[in-house]
Protein backbone atom coordinates (compact mmCIF):
# COMPACT_ATOMS: atom_id res chain seq x y z
CA MET A 1 -4.88 -0.08 -21.13
CA ILE A 2 -4.53 2.93 -19.26
CA SER A 3 -8.05 5.02 -18.20
CA PHE A 4 -7.94 8.52 -18.81
CA LEU A 5 -8.89 11.34 -16.56
CA ASP A 6 -11.10 14.37 -17.79
CA PHE A 7 -8.10 16.41 -17.71
CA GLU A 8 -6.21 14.26 -19.61
CA LYS A 9 -8.70 14.30 -22.94
CA PRO A 10 -5.95 15.58 -25.48
CA ILE A 11 -3.48 13.17 -24.32
CA ALA A 12 -5.94 10.15 -25.05
CA GLU A 13 -6.66 11.83 -28.29
CA LEU A 14 -3.26 11.87 -28.99
CA GLU A 15 -2.65 8.08 -28.17
CA ALA A 16 -5.88 7.42 -29.95
CA ARG A 17 -4.39 8.35 -33.18
CA ILE A 18 -0.99 6.68 -32.56
CA ALA A 19 -3.48 3.59 -31.59
CA GLU A 20 -5.15 4.02 -35.31
CA LEU A 21 -1.65 4.53 -37.31
CA ARG A 22 0.11 1.62 -35.80
CA ALA A 23 -3.53 -0.37 -36.52
CA THR A 24 -2.81 1.04 -39.99
CA ALA A 25 0.67 -0.11 -40.40
CA ASN A 26 0.19 -3.82 -39.05
CA GLY A 27 0.28 -5.24 -42.59
CA SER A 28 0.97 -2.16 -44.72
CA GLU A 29 3.32 -1.76 -47.06
CA LEU A 30 3.26 1.74 -45.83
CA ASP A 31 5.87 3.95 -43.69
CA ILE A 32 4.53 5.51 -40.77
CA GLU A 33 6.69 5.05 -37.99
CA SER A 34 8.33 8.60 -38.18
CA GLU A 35 5.01 9.96 -37.79
CA ILE A 36 4.20 7.54 -34.85
CA ASP A 37 7.61 8.27 -33.51
CA LYS A 38 6.79 12.19 -33.82
CA LEU A 39 3.21 11.53 -32.22
CA ALA A 40 4.32 9.79 -29.59
CA LYS A 41 7.60 12.39 -28.17
CA LYS A 42 4.49 14.81 -28.50
CA SER A 43 2.11 12.86 -26.17
CA ALA A 44 4.96 11.82 -23.69
CA ALA A 45 6.12 15.77 -23.70
CA MET A 46 1.94 16.75 -23.36
CA LEU A 47 1.98 14.04 -20.11
CA ALA A 48 4.82 15.13 -18.04
CA ALA A 49 3.38 18.96 -18.78
CA THR A 50 0.42 18.14 -17.66
CA TYR A 51 1.51 16.53 -14.48
CA ALA A 52 3.95 18.87 -14.00
CA LYS A 53 1.26 21.37 -12.99
CA LEU A 54 -1.75 19.38 -11.26
CA THR A 55 -4.36 21.63 -9.41
CA PRO A 56 -5.03 20.12 -6.28
CA TRP A 57 -8.51 18.53 -7.75
CA GLN A 58 -6.35 16.83 -10.79
CA LYS A 59 -4.12 15.18 -7.79
CA THR A 60 -7.45 14.10 -6.01
CA GLN A 61 -8.63 12.50 -9.30
CA VAL A 62 -4.83 10.88 -9.66
CA ALA A 63 -4.94 9.54 -6.10
CA ARG A 64 -8.30 7.97 -6.86
CA HIS A 65 -7.58 7.08 -10.42
CA PRO A 66 -9.15 3.16 -10.48
CA GLN A 67 -5.79 1.68 -12.37
CA ARG A 68 -3.83 3.27 -9.21
CA PRO A 69 -1.85 0.47 -7.66
CA HIS A 70 -3.64 -0.50 -4.08
CA PHE A 71 -1.48 -2.37 -0.80
CA LEU A 72 -1.59 -5.91 -2.51
CA ASP A 73 0.28 -5.02 -5.21
CA TYR A 74 3.08 -3.10 -3.54
CA ILE A 75 3.33 -6.53 -1.20
CA ARG A 76 3.22 -8.46 -4.69
CA LEU A 77 5.96 -5.50 -6.21
CA VAL A 78 8.36 -4.87 -3.60
CA PHE A 79 7.89 -6.93 -0.30
CA THR A 80 9.15 -10.77 0.06
CA ASP A 81 8.00 -13.80 2.22
CA PHE A 82 4.27 -12.16 2.99
CA VAL A 83 2.13 -14.03 5.52
CA PRO A 84 -0.87 -12.63 6.23
CA LEU A 85 -2.16 -12.59 9.53
CA ALA A 86 -6.24 -12.37 9.96
CA GLY A 87 -8.87 -11.56 12.77
CA ASP A 88 -9.29 -8.76 15.68
CA ARG A 89 -9.66 -12.01 17.96
CA VAL A 90 -12.67 -9.94 19.47
CA TYR A 91 -15.29 -9.99 16.49
CA GLY A 92 -14.18 -11.11 13.33
CA GLU A 93 -12.24 -10.35 10.00
CA ASP A 94 -11.98 -7.33 8.11
CA ALA A 95 -10.72 -7.03 4.70
CA ALA A 96 -10.67 -3.61 4.07
CA ILE A 97 -7.28 -3.62 6.44
CA VAL A 98 -4.85 -6.35 5.33
CA GLY A 99 -1.31 -7.24 7.47
CA GLY A 100 0.96 -9.45 8.20
CA LEU A 101 4.72 -10.39 8.43
CA ALA A 102 7.05 -9.69 5.50
CA THR A 103 10.52 -8.81 4.19
CA LEU A 104 11.47 -5.44 2.97
CA ASP A 105 15.26 -5.70 1.07
CA GLY A 106 16.31 -8.00 3.84
CA ARG A 107 14.49 -6.57 6.93
CA LYS A 108 11.40 -8.35 8.67
CA VAL A 109 9.05 -5.77 9.21
CA MET A 110 5.26 -5.81 10.02
CA VAL A 111 3.06 -4.33 7.09
CA ILE A 112 -0.72 -3.01 7.35
CA GLY A 113 -2.49 -1.07 5.16
CA HIS A 114 -5.81 -0.38 3.46
CA GLU A 115 -6.68 -2.28 0.61
CA LYS A 116 -9.49 -1.18 -1.82
CA GLY A 117 -9.52 -3.73 -4.90
CA HIS A 118 -9.49 -3.30 -8.26
CA ASP A 119 -12.88 -4.83 -9.80
CA THR A 120 -16.20 -5.23 -8.48
CA PRO A 121 -15.95 -8.45 -6.63
CA SER A 122 -12.75 -7.16 -5.16
CA ARG A 123 -13.76 -3.69 -3.76
CA ILE A 124 -16.77 -5.16 -2.35
CA LYS A 125 -14.65 -7.84 -0.51
CA HIS A 126 -12.09 -5.06 0.68
CA ASN A 127 -15.13 -2.42 1.46
CA PHE A 128 -13.52 -0.35 -0.97
CA GLY A 129 -10.45 0.51 1.86
CA SER A 130 -13.22 1.67 3.97
CA ALA A 131 -12.42 -0.12 7.45
CA LYS A 132 -14.62 -1.03 10.16
CA PRO A 133 -13.79 -1.83 14.02
CA GLU A 134 -12.41 -5.19 13.44
CA GLY A 135 -10.23 -3.89 11.02
CA TYR A 136 -8.88 -1.18 13.25
CA ARG A 137 -8.30 -3.99 16.25
CA LYS A 138 -6.71 -6.12 14.09
CA ALA A 139 -4.26 -3.53 13.01
CA ILE A 140 -3.69 -2.20 16.99
CA ARG A 141 -3.28 -6.69 17.53
CA LEU A 142 -0.63 -6.69 14.58
CA MET A 143 1.67 -3.50 15.96
CA GLU A 144 1.29 -4.96 19.71
CA MET A 145 2.77 -8.23 17.98
CA ALA A 146 5.54 -6.81 16.32
CA ALA A 147 6.39 -4.71 19.23
CA LYS A 148 7.03 -7.94 21.06
CA PHE A 149 9.00 -9.41 18.16
CA GLY A 150 10.85 -6.04 17.77
CA LEU A 151 9.45 -5.57 14.04
CA PRO A 152 9.26 -2.25 12.59
CA VAL A 153 5.87 -1.61 11.34
CA VAL A 154 5.45 -0.17 8.08
CA THR A 155 1.72 0.96 7.15
CA LEU A 156 0.32 1.97 3.95
CA VAL A 157 -2.81 4.17 3.97
CA ASP A 158 -5.33 4.39 1.33
CA THR A 159 -8.45 5.18 2.50
CA ALA A 160 -11.60 7.54 1.83
CA GLY A 161 -12.31 6.82 5.48
CA ALA A 162 -13.62 4.67 8.07
CA PHE A 163 -16.43 3.06 7.15
CA PRO A 164 -19.54 5.35 8.33
CA GLY A 165 -22.44 2.23 8.54
CA VAL A 166 -24.75 1.66 11.56
CA GLU A 167 -23.28 -1.93 12.35
CA ALA A 168 -19.54 0.09 12.83
CA GLU A 169 -20.92 2.52 14.84
CA GLU A 170 -22.59 -0.21 17.34
CA ARG A 171 -19.43 -2.11 17.74
CA GLY A 172 -17.34 1.15 18.56
CA GLN A 173 -15.67 2.53 15.72
CA ALA A 174 -14.76 5.70 17.20
CA GLU A 175 -13.47 4.00 20.24
CA ALA A 176 -11.40 1.60 17.64
CA ILE A 177 -9.70 4.43 15.52
CA ALA A 178 -8.94 6.10 19.30
CA ARG A 179 -7.02 3.00 20.45
CA SER A 180 -5.42 2.04 17.38
CA THR A 181 -3.77 5.62 16.99
CA GLU A 182 -2.96 5.19 20.76
CA ALA A 183 -1.23 2.12 19.91
CA CYS A 184 0.78 4.27 17.03
CA LEU A 185 2.30 6.56 19.35
CA ALA A 186 3.05 3.87 21.99
CA LEU A 187 4.69 1.71 19.62
CA LYS A 188 8.32 0.74 21.59
CA VAL A 189 9.53 -0.21 17.45
CA PRO A 190 10.35 2.27 14.21
CA MET A 191 7.03 2.88 12.69
CA VAL A 192 6.97 4.78 9.03
CA ALA A 193 3.88 5.41 7.20
CA ALA A 194 3.17 5.93 3.28
CA ILE A 195 0.05 7.46 2.04
CA LEU A 196 -0.42 5.67 -1.15
CA GLY A 197 -3.73 7.40 -2.59
CA GLU A 198 -5.94 8.87 -0.47
CA GLY A 199 -5.27 9.20 3.38
CA GLY A 200 -8.61 10.20 4.82
CA SER A 201 -10.13 11.87 8.04
CA GLY A 202 -9.15 9.17 11.41
CA GLY A 203 -9.26 6.40 9.18
CA ALA A 204 -6.15 7.35 7.94
CA ILE A 205 -4.06 8.61 10.78
CA ALA A 206 -5.45 5.51 13.01
CA ILE A 207 -2.06 3.29 11.24
CA ALA A 208 -0.78 7.03 10.33
CA ALA A 209 1.03 8.42 13.72
CA ALA A 210 4.00 7.21 13.06
CA ASN A 211 7.98 8.47 13.64
CA LYS A 212 8.07 9.24 9.58
CA VAL A 213 5.01 9.85 7.36
CA LEU A 214 5.57 9.82 3.62
CA MET A 215 3.34 10.74 0.78
CA LEU A 216 3.52 9.67 -3.03
CA GLU A 217 3.64 13.01 -5.46
CA HIS A 218 0.25 12.82 -6.05
CA ALA A 219 -1.52 11.11 -3.02
CA ILE A 220 -3.83 13.45 -0.99
CA TYR A 221 -4.30 13.54 2.49
CA SER A 222 -7.15 15.40 4.49
CA VAL A 223 -9.73 15.66 7.42
CA ILE A 224 -12.42 15.24 5.10
CA SER A 225 -12.94 14.68 1.67
CA PRO A 226 -13.32 17.75 -0.87
CA GLU A 227 -16.58 17.19 -1.46
CA GLY A 228 -17.60 16.49 1.70
CA ALA A 229 -16.25 19.85 2.86
CA SER A 230 -17.75 21.44 -0.29
CA SER A 231 -21.23 20.02 1.16
CA ILE A 232 -20.56 21.55 4.49
CA LEU A 233 -19.20 25.55 3.28
CA TRP A 234 -21.17 25.96 0.05
CA ARG A 235 -23.96 23.42 0.41
CA THR A 236 -23.03 22.02 -2.37
CA PRO A 237 -20.56 19.39 -3.49
CA ASP A 238 -19.83 20.93 -6.69
CA LYS A 239 -17.53 23.36 -5.47
CA ALA A 240 -14.95 20.39 -4.55
CA ALA A 241 -11.75 21.73 -6.56
CA ASP A 242 -12.10 25.00 -4.66
CA ALA A 243 -12.38 23.07 -1.39
CA ALA A 244 -9.42 20.88 -2.58
CA THR A 245 -7.37 24.17 -2.96
CA ALA A 246 -8.45 25.59 0.12
CA MET A 247 -7.74 22.37 2.18
CA LYS A 248 -4.11 21.72 0.81
CA VAL A 249 -4.75 18.47 1.12
CA THR A 250 -1.58 17.60 -1.72
CA ALA A 251 1.60 16.11 -0.32
CA GLN A 252 3.49 19.20 -1.37
CA ASP A 253 1.36 21.44 0.85
CA LEU A 254 1.50 18.74 3.49
CA LEU A 255 5.08 18.82 3.27
CA SER A 256 5.61 22.52 3.61
CA LEU A 257 3.15 22.67 6.43
CA GLY A 258 5.08 19.73 8.14
CA VAL A 259 2.18 17.35 8.34
CA ILE A 260 4.30 14.64 6.29
CA ASP A 261 8.04 13.92 5.85
CA GLY A 262 8.66 13.26 2.79
CA VAL A 263 7.44 13.16 -1.42
CA VAL A 264 8.13 10.14 -2.75
CA ALA A 265 8.36 10.99 -6.66
CA GLU A 266 5.73 8.82 -9.26
CA PRO A 267 6.66 8.05 -12.90
CA VAL A 268 5.43 10.47 -15.15
CA GLY A 269 1.95 10.03 -15.33
CA GLY A 270 1.14 8.52 -11.61
CA ALA A 271 1.72 5.69 -10.54
CA HIS A 272 -0.82 3.63 -12.12
CA ARG A 273 1.19 3.51 -15.63
CA ASP A 274 4.48 2.44 -14.01
CA PRO A 275 2.97 0.15 -11.08
CA ALA A 276 6.73 -0.95 -10.60
CA ALA A 277 8.82 1.52 -10.79
CA ALA A 278 6.67 3.59 -8.44
CA ALA A 279 6.81 0.56 -5.92
CA ARG A 280 10.54 0.55 -5.75
CA ALA A 281 10.76 4.14 -5.25
CA LEU A 282 8.20 4.09 -2.27
CA ALA A 283 10.24 0.93 -1.06
CA ASP A 284 13.63 2.78 -1.26
CA ALA A 285 11.98 5.66 0.82
CA ILE A 286 10.69 3.47 3.38
CA GLY A 287 13.83 1.56 3.98
CA ARG A 288 16.01 4.79 4.09
CA GLU A 289 13.83 6.05 6.91
CA LEU A 290 13.83 2.79 8.65
CA ALA A 291 17.62 2.85 8.70
CA ALA A 292 17.65 5.87 10.08
CA LEU A 293 15.39 4.75 13.17
CA VAL A 294 16.37 1.20 14.20
CA VAL A 295 19.46 2.62 15.98
CA ARG A 296 16.99 4.93 18.39
CA THR A 297 16.14 3.10 21.91
CA PRO A 298 12.59 2.62 22.17
CA ALA A 299 12.25 5.46 24.31
CA GLU A 300 13.44 7.84 21.77
CA LEU A 301 10.87 6.42 19.32
CA VAL A 302 8.16 7.23 21.23
CA GLN A 303 9.33 10.73 22.53
CA GLN A 304 10.24 11.89 19.03
CA ARG A 305 6.65 10.50 17.34
CA GLU A 306 4.64 12.11 20.31
CA GLU A 307 7.08 15.30 19.65
CA ARG A 308 5.99 14.64 16.34
CA PHE A 309 2.43 14.96 16.04
CA LEU A 310 2.36 17.54 19.12
CA ALA A 311 3.99 19.84 16.92
CA ILE A 312 1.41 19.93 14.16
CA GLY A 313 -0.57 22.81 13.70
CA SER A 314 1.86 25.22 16.66
CA LEU A 315 3.74 28.39 15.15
């Protein structure tokens, strides 16, 4: 059953009415299918109209939807032959970042990404997608392995940010993020990154400094969360909606600013309403980008990546 967000309340009320009518019709001689059909069409139209004009803050809520598909969902839906690889060979394993060898539409790749989890046990296991230094060092290890064997790298980003705890700082969080970003930029194989939900700060860009960066239609990507920006600028988190608008966190804004290279359309109502369709659209988009990149030489790939990121923010 779909969980409705606050701004979807009118749609939720319609869906509840439809459910009541269906329950009434079950085992009854009453013919109310026409009424159910009319309400279902009204609900679908309302959903489409609502999602056609989402505000940046509403998109933030969609990006954080508890039922939004995450890394392991996309692995299951569009990748095959996935072989997970664990550990950073320095400290230990960090389940916030998952990676391994896989096949995408017949092409062997190294796929790496954040996993948030879907319920309390899995969210605790994956630390809500907030990686520690060992997670980024694992990502570096897998990227270097991919380069050694000539495999393209695909990264799926979905994190509110790197873990800010004391233990992470003690183990060199900033250094690990910097080296992971450096490893992305130095890769001599094609690299495509996709922002699935949240792309938060250095924790996101550490595995997203790619040749091509894609975003799902209702994902967000920013240097700080809207709540964090609101707390700094207005001394209260209550202005998060204003901050989201000012920060240009949406895929559409970032495409116009040249921060990303493409927006992947989601099913009407968000990826959580049809994960399979969202996964297929994402796989097709990644496949097209990889096909255009694999013909480039290693030197061209490195140069293009460097020029791409140096150009961000230039006039």
